[in-house]
Amino acid sequence: MRIIVHLDAMLVTRKKRSKELAEFVGITEQNISLLKTGRVKGIRFNTLEKICEFLECQPGDILEYKK
């Protein structure tokens, strides 16, 4: 079981920078980097909500489940 994070691709598609996202969400750029690489064990719903608001997308655009 694996969750794949497409945050980096979404940032490129939307022509946004990690720094802008970090400032909008209220977390560090380092935490954004960890999210982009999938090296996190979880994410708070309010953080996911702010990311989706900033990128104007749905959670399914960022997260994918693969067996």
PDB file of N, CA and C in Angstrom:
ATOM      1  N   MET A   1       0.853  -1.180   0.000  1.00  0.00           N
ATOM      2  CA  MET A   1       0.000   0.000   0.000  1.00  0.00           C
ATOM      3  C   MET A   1       0.894   1.237   0.000  1.00  0.00           C
ATOM      4  N   ARG A   2       0.529   2.187  -0.851  1.00  0.00           N
ATOM      5  CA  ARG A   2       1.355   3.370  -0.981  1.00  0.00           C
ATOM      6  C   ARG A   2       0.532   4.580  -1.420  1.00  0.00           C
ATOM      7  N   ILE A   3       0.784   5.699  -0.788  1.00  0.00           N
ATOM      8  CA  ILE A   3       0.167   6.952  -1.183  1.00  0.00           C
ATOM      9  C   ILE A   3       1.239   7.759  -1.922  1.00  0.00           C
ATOM     10  N   ILE A   4       0.921   8.183  -3.132  1.00  0.00           N
ATOM     11  CA  ILE A   4       1.857   8.959  -3.930  1.00  0.00           C
ATOM     12  C   ILE A   4       1.396  10.419  -3.907  1.00  0.00           C
ATOM     13  N   VAL A   5       2.342  11.311  -3.687  1.00  0.00           N
ATOM     14  CA  VAL A   5       2.053  12.737  -3.575  1.00  0.00           C
ATOM     15  C   VAL A   5       2.490  13.431  -4.868  1.00  0.00           C
ATOM     16  N   HIS A   6       1.553  14.137  -5.488  1.00  0.00           N
ATOM     17  CA  HIS A   6       1.813  14.849  -6.733  1.00  0.00           C
ATOM     18  C   HIS A   6       1.880  16.364  -6.520  1.00  0.00           C
ATOM     19  N   LEU A   7       2.306  16.772  -5.350  1.00  0.00           N
ATOM     20  CA  LEU A   7       2.338  18.195  -5.014  1.00  0.00           C
ATOM     21  C   LEU A   7       3.305  18.957  -5.918  1.00  0.00           C
ATOM     22  N   ASP A   8       4.459  18.385  -6.179  1.00  0.00           N
ATOM     23  CA  ASP A   8       5.448  19.051  -7.025  1.00  0.00           C
ATOM     24  C   ASP A   8       4.891  19.306  -8.429  1.00  0.00           C
ATOM     25  N   ALA A   9       4.232  18.306  -8.989  1.00  0.00           N
ATOM     26  CA  ALA A   9       3.641  18.452 -10.321  1.00  0.00           C
ATOM     27  C   ALA A   9       2.546  19.514 -10.321  1.00  0.00           C
ATOM     28  N   MET A  10       1.751  19.571  -9.264  1.00  0.00           N
ATOM     29  CA  MET A  10       0.683  20.569  -9.177  1.00  0.00           C
ATOM     30  C   MET A  10       1.264  21.986  -9.085  1.00  0.00           C
ATOM     31  N   LEU A  11       2.363  22.136  -8.353  1.00  0.00           N
ATOM     32  CA  LEU A  11       3.007  23.445  -8.261  1.00  0.00           C
ATOM     33  C   LEU A  11       3.504  23.892  -9.637  1.00  0.00           C
ATOM     34  N   VAL A  12       4.087  22.979 -10.384  1.00  0.00           N
ATOM     35  CA  VAL A  12       4.577  23.298 -11.727  1.00  0.00           C
ATOM     36  C   VAL A  12       3.407  23.654 -12.637  1.00  0.00           C
ATOM     37  N   THR A  13       2.349  22.839 -12.602  1.00  0.00           N
ATOM     38  CA  THR A  13       1.172  23.077 -13.438  1.00  0.00           C
ATOM     39  C   THR A  13       0.554  24.444 -13.163  1.00  0.00           C
ATOM     40  N   ARG A  14       0.502  24.815 -11.904  1.00  0.00           N
ATOM     41  CA  ARG A  14      -0.114  26.085 -11.514  1.00  0.00           C
ATOM     42  C   ARG A  14       0.869  27.259 -11.537  1.00  0.00           C
ATOM     43  N   LYS A  15       2.136  26.942 -11.871  1.00  0.00           N
ATOM     44  CA  LYS A  15       3.200  27.960 -11.929  1.00  0.00           C
ATOM     45  C   LYS A  15       3.341  28.706 -10.606  1.00  0.00           C
ATOM     46  N   LYS A  16       3.398  27.923  -9.540  1.00  0.00           N
ATOM     47  CA  LYS A  16       3.554  28.464  -8.190  1.00  0.00           C
ATOM     48  C   LYS A  16       4.854  27.927  -7.593  1.00  0.00           C
ATOM     49  N   ARG A  17       5.353  28.617  -6.591  1.00  0.00           N
ATOM     50  CA  ARG A  17       6.596  28.217  -5.918  1.00  0.00           C
ATOM     51  C   ARG A  17       6.282  27.649  -4.529  1.00  0.00           C
ATOM     52  N   SER A  18       7.173  26.769  -4.099  1.00  0.00           N
ATOM     53  CA  SER A  18       7.035  26.164  -2.769  1.00  0.00           C
ATOM     54  C   SER A  18       7.008  27.230  -1.684  1.00  0.00           C
ATOM     55  N   LYS A  19       7.811  28.265  -1.856  1.00  0.00           N
ATOM     56  CA  LYS A  19       7.875  29.336  -0.853  1.00  0.00           C
ATOM     57  C   LYS A  19       6.526  30.029  -0.715  1.00  0.00           C
ATOM     58  N   GLU A  20       5.873  30.308  -1.840  1.00  0.00           N
ATOM     59  CA  GLU A  20       4.551  30.943  -1.806  1.00  0.00           C
ATOM     60  C   GLU A  20       3.540  30.043  -1.104  1.00  0.00           C
ATOM     61  N   LEU A  21       3.588  28.758  -1.422  1.00  0.00           N
ATOM     62  CA  LEU A  21       2.677  27.794  -0.799  1.00  0.00           C
ATOM     63  C   LEU A  21       2.905  27.727   0.706  1.00  0.00           C
ATOM     64  N   ALA A  22       4.165  27.647   1.110  1.00  0.00           N
ATOM     65  CA  ALA A  22       4.501  27.570   2.538  1.00  0.00           C
ATOM     66  C   ALA A  22       3.967  28.784   3.295  1.00  0.00           C
ATOM     67  N   GLU A  23       4.142  29.966   2.708  1.00  0.00           N
ATOM     68  CA  GLU A  23       3.654  31.190   3.356  1.00  0.00           C
ATOM     69  C   GLU A  23       2.131  31.196   3.453  1.00  0.00           C
ATOM     70  N   PHE A  24       1.456  30.762   2.404  1.00  0.00           N
ATOM     71  CA  PHE A  24      -0.007  30.748   2.392  1.00  0.00           C
ATOM     72  C   PHE A  24      -0.564  29.759   3.419  1.00  0.00           C
ATOM     73  N   VAL A  25       0.050  28.578   3.472  1.00  0.00           N
ATOM     74  CA  VAL A  25      -0.435  27.516   4.364  1.00  0.00           C
ATOM     75  C   VAL A  25      -0.020  27.779   5.813  1.00  0.00           C
ATOM     76  N   GLY A  26       1.131  28.426   5.981  1.00  0.00           N
ATOM     77  CA  GLY A  26       1.617  28.695   7.335  1.00  0.00           C
ATOM     78  C   GLY A  26       2.507  27.598   7.871  1.00  0.00           C
ATOM     79  N   ILE A  27       3.230  26.918   6.964  1.00  0.00           N
ATOM     80  CA  ILE A  27       4.196  25.905   7.380  1.00  0.00           C
ATOM     81  C   ILE A  27       5.536  26.235   6.723  1.00  0.00           C
ATOM     82  N   THR A  28       6.583  25.549   7.147  1.00  0.00           N
ATOM     83  CA  THR A  28       7.915  25.848   6.630  1.00  0.00           C
ATOM     84  C   THR A  28       8.111  25.269   5.226  1.00  0.00           C
ATOM     85  N   GLU A  29       9.064  25.846   4.513  1.00  0.00           N
ATOM     86  CA  GLU A  29       9.419  25.316   3.197  1.00  0.00           C
ATOM     87  C   GLU A  29       9.960  23.896   3.314  1.00  0.00           C
ATOM     88  N   GLN A  30      10.624  23.620   4.414  1.00  0.00           N
ATOM     89  CA  GLN A  30      11.146  22.267   4.647  1.00  0.00           C
ATOM     90  C   GLN A  30       9.998  21.260   4.728  1.00  0.00           C
ATOM     91  N   ASN A  31       8.915  21.617   5.392  1.00  0.00           N
ATOM     92  CA  ASN A  31       7.758  20.726   5.470  1.00  0.00           C
ATOM     93  C   ASN A  31       7.105  20.551   4.099  1.00  0.00           C
ATOM     94  N   ILE A  32       7.079  21.603   3.285  1.00  0.00           N
ATOM     95  CA  ILE A  32       6.567  21.488   1.920  1.00  0.00           C
ATOM     96  C   ILE A  32       7.443  20.511   1.142  1.00  0.00           C
ATOM     97  N   SER A  33       8.753  20.619   1.309  1.00  0.00           N
ATOM     98  CA  SER A  33       9.686  19.721   0.634  1.00  0.00           C
ATOM     99  C   SER A  33       9.443  18.268   1.046  1.00  0.00           C
ATOM    100  N   LEU A  34       9.212  18.046   2.322  1.00  0.00           N
ATOM    101  CA  LEU A  34       8.926  16.694   2.806  1.00  0.00           C
ATOM    102  C   LEU A  34       7.626  16.165   2.213  1.00  0.00           C
ATOM    103  N   LEU A  35       6.628  17.024   2.111  1.00  0.00           N
ATOM    104  CA  LEU A  35       5.358  16.627   1.491  1.00  0.00           C
ATOM    105  C   LEU A  35       5.561  16.272   0.027  1.00  0.00           C
ATOM    106  N   LYS A  36       6.325  17.100  -0.693  1.00  0.00           N
ATOM    107  CA  LYS A  36       6.549  16.875  -2.118  1.00  0.00           C
ATOM    108  C   LYS A  36       7.231  15.541  -2.388  1.00  0.00           C
ATOM    109  N   THR A  37       8.121  15.137  -1.497  1.00  0.00           N
ATOM    110  CA  THR A  37       8.849  13.880  -1.687  1.00  0.00           C
ATOM    111  C   THR A  37       8.121  12.688  -1.085  1.00  0.00           C
ATOM    112  N   GLY A  38       7.021  12.936  -0.394  1.00  0.00           N
ATOM    113  CA  GLY A  38       6.262  11.844   0.195  1.00  0.00           C
ATOM    114  C   GLY A  38       6.875  11.272   1.455  1.00  0.00           C
ATOM    115  N   ARG A  39       7.784  12.002   2.078  1.00  0.00           N
ATOM    116  CA  ARG A  39       8.453  11.518   3.284  1.00  0.00           C
ATOM    117  C   ARG A  39       7.757  11.964   4.567  1.00  0.00           C
ATOM    118  N   VAL A  40       6.443  11.973   4.548  1.00  0.00           N
ATOM    119  CA  VAL A  40       5.668  12.299   5.743  1.00  0.00           C
ATOM    120  C   VAL A  40       4.751  11.126   6.073  1.00  0.00           C
ATOM    121  N   LYS A  41       4.403  11.004   7.314  1.00  0.00           N
ATOM    122  CA  LYS A  41       3.515   9.918   7.736  1.00  0.00           C
ATOM    123  C   LYS A  41       2.064  10.346   7.741  1.00  0.00           C
ATOM    124  N   GLY A  42       1.819  11.642   7.669  1.00  0.00           N
ATOM    125  CA  GLY A  42       0.447  12.129   7.683  1.00  0.00           C
ATOM    126  C   GLY A  42       0.391  13.607   7.354  1.00  0.00           C
ATOM    127  N   ILE A  43      -0.837  14.064   7.155  1.00  0.00           N
ATOM    128  CA  ILE A  43      -1.064  15.487   6.873  1.00  0.00           C
ATOM    129  C   ILE A  43      -2.389  15.869   7.521  1.00  0.00           C
ATOM    130  N   ARG A  44      -2.416  17.017   8.148  1.00  0.00           N
ATOM    131  CA  ARG A  44      -3.654  17.490   8.773  1.00  0.00           C
ATOM    132  C   ARG A  44      -4.628  17.932   7.688  1.00  0.00           C
ATOM    133  N   PHE A  45      -5.898  17.706   7.947  1.00  0.00           N
ATOM    134  CA  PHE A  45      -6.918  18.094   6.979  1.00  0.00           C
ATOM    135  C   PHE A  45      -6.901  19.603   6.718  1.00  0.00           C
ATOM    136  N   ASN A  46      -6.661  20.404   7.766  1.00  0.00           N
ATOM    137  CA  ASN A  46      -6.651  21.851   7.545  1.00  0.00           C
ATOM    138  C   ASN A  46      -5.459  22.266   6.673  1.00  0.00           C
ATOM    139  N   THR A  47      -4.336  21.553   6.773  1.00  0.00           N
ATOM    140  CA  THR A  47      -3.188  21.813   5.903  1.00  0.00           C
ATOM    141  C   THR A  47      -3.527  21.431   4.470  1.00  0.00           C
ATOM    142  N   LEU A  48      -4.140  20.269   4.292  1.00  0.00           N
ATOM    143  CA  LEU A  48      -4.551  19.816   2.965  1.00  0.00           C
ATOM    144  C   LEU A  48      -5.566  20.786   2.360  1.00  0.00           C
ATOM    145  N   GLU A  49      -6.469  21.272   3.175  1.00  0.00           N
ATOM    146  CA  GLU A  49      -7.470  22.232   2.717  1.00  0.00           C
ATOM    147  C   GLU A  49      -6.814  23.512   2.206  1.00  0.00           C
ATOM    148  N   LYS A  50      -5.836  24.038   2.950  1.00  0.00           N
ATOM    149  CA  LYS A  50      -5.143  25.259   2.541  1.00  0.00           C
ATOM    150  C   LYS A  50      -4.335  25.038   1.262  1.00  0.00           C
ATOM    151  N   ILE A  51      -3.715  23.868   1.126  1.00  0.00           N
ATOM    152  CA  ILE A  51      -2.970  23.545  -0.093  1.00  0.00           C
ATOM    153  C   ILE A  51      -3.921  23.531  -1.285  1.00  0.00           C
ATOM    154  N   CYS A  52      -5.056  22.883  -1.123  1.00  0.00           N
ATOM    155  CA  CYS A  52      -6.051  22.819  -2.200  1.00  0.00           C
ATOM    156  C   CYS A  52      -6.601  24.202  -2.535  1.00  0.00           C
ATOM    157  N   GLU A  53      -6.802  25.024  -1.523  1.00  0.00           N
ATOM    158  CA  GLU A  53      -7.283  26.385  -1.755  1.00  0.00           C
ATOM    159  C   GLU A  53      -6.258  27.179  -2.569  1.00  0.00           C
ATOM    160  N   PHE A  54      -4.995  27.074  -2.189  1.00  0.00           N
ATOM    161  CA  PHE A  54      -3.927  27.801  -2.866  1.00  0.00           C
ATOM    162  C   PHE A  54      -3.760  27.347  -4.316  1.00  0.00           C
ATOM    163  N   LEU A  55      -3.820  26.031  -4.528  1.00  0.00           N
ATOM    164  CA  LEU A  55      -3.600  25.486  -5.872  1.00  0.00           C
ATOM    165  C   LEU A  55      -4.885  25.359  -6.695  1.00  0.00           C
ATOM    166  N   GLU A  56      -6.021  25.706  -6.064  1.00  0.00           N
ATOM    167  CA  GLU A  56      -7.321  25.596  -6.723  1.00  0.00           C
ATOM    168  C   GLU A  56      -7.506  24.198  -7.321  1.00  0.00           C
ATOM    169  N   CYS A  57      -7.421  23.203  -6.433  1.00  0.00           N
ATOM    170  CA  CYS A  57      -7.529  21.809  -6.867  1.00  0.00           C
ATOM    171  C   CYS A  57      -8.271  20.982  -5.809  1.00  0.00           C
ATOM    172  N   GLN A  58      -8.423  19.714  -6.083  1.00  0.00           N
ATOM    173  CA  GLN A  58      -9.048  18.769  -5.172  1.00  0.00           C
ATOM    174  C   GLN A  58      -7.958  17.896  -4.528  1.00  0.00           C
ATOM    175  N   PRO A  59      -8.220  17.314  -3.348  1.00  0.00           N
ATOM    176  CA  PRO A  59      -7.226  16.447  -2.718  1.00  0.00           C
ATOM    177  C   PRO A  59      -6.760  15.308  -3.636  1.00  0.00           C
ATOM    178  N   GLY A  60      -7.663  14.797  -4.450  1.00  0.00           N
ATOM    179  CA  GLY A  60      -7.310  13.714  -5.371  1.00  0.00           C
ATOM    180  C   GLY A  60      -6.342  14.141  -6.467  1.00  0.00           C
ATOM    181  N   ASP A  61      -6.212  15.448  -6.685  1.00  0.00           N
ATOM    182  CA  ASP A  61      -5.222  15.949  -7.642  1.00  0.00           C
ATOM    183  C   ASP A  61      -3.816  15.887  -7.068  1.00  0.00           C
ATOM    184  N   ILE A  62      -3.730  15.832  -5.745  1.00  0.00           N
ATOM    185  CA  ILE A  62      -2.444  15.852  -5.060  1.00  0.00           C
ATOM    186  C   ILE A  62      -2.046  14.458  -4.571  1.00  0.00           C
ATOM    187  N   LEU A  63      -3.030  13.693  -4.100  1.00  0.00           N
ATOM    188  CA  LEU A  63      -2.761  12.376  -3.507  1.00  0.00           C
ATOM    189  C   LEU A  63      -3.321  11.256  -4.370  1.00  0.00           C
ATOM    190  N   GLU A  64      -2.556  10.181  -4.490  1.00  0.00           N
ATOM    191  CA  GLU A  64      -2.986   9.005  -5.262  1.00  0.00           C
ATOM    192  C   GLU A  64      -2.641   7.751  -4.485  1.00  0.00           C
ATOM    193  N   TYR A  65      -3.549   6.808  -4.463  1.00  0.00           N
ATOM    194  CA  TYR A  65      -3.330   5.514  -3.801  1.00  0.00           C
ATOM    195  C   TYR A  65      -2.912   4.478  -4.830  1.00  0.00           C
ATOM    196  N   LYS A  66      -1.829   3.757  -4.555  1.00  0.00           N
ATOM    197  CA  LYS A  66      -1.382   2.657  -5.420  1.00  0.00           C
ATOM    198  C   LYS A  66      -1.118   1.436  -4.569  1.00  0.00           C
ATOM    199  N   LYS A  67      -1.502   0.282  -5.069  1.00  0.00           N
ATOM    200  CA  LYS A  67      -1.211  -0.973  -4.352  1.00  0.00           C
ATOM    201  C   LYS A  67       0.212  -1.386  -4.586  1.00  0.00           C
TER     202      LYS A  67
END
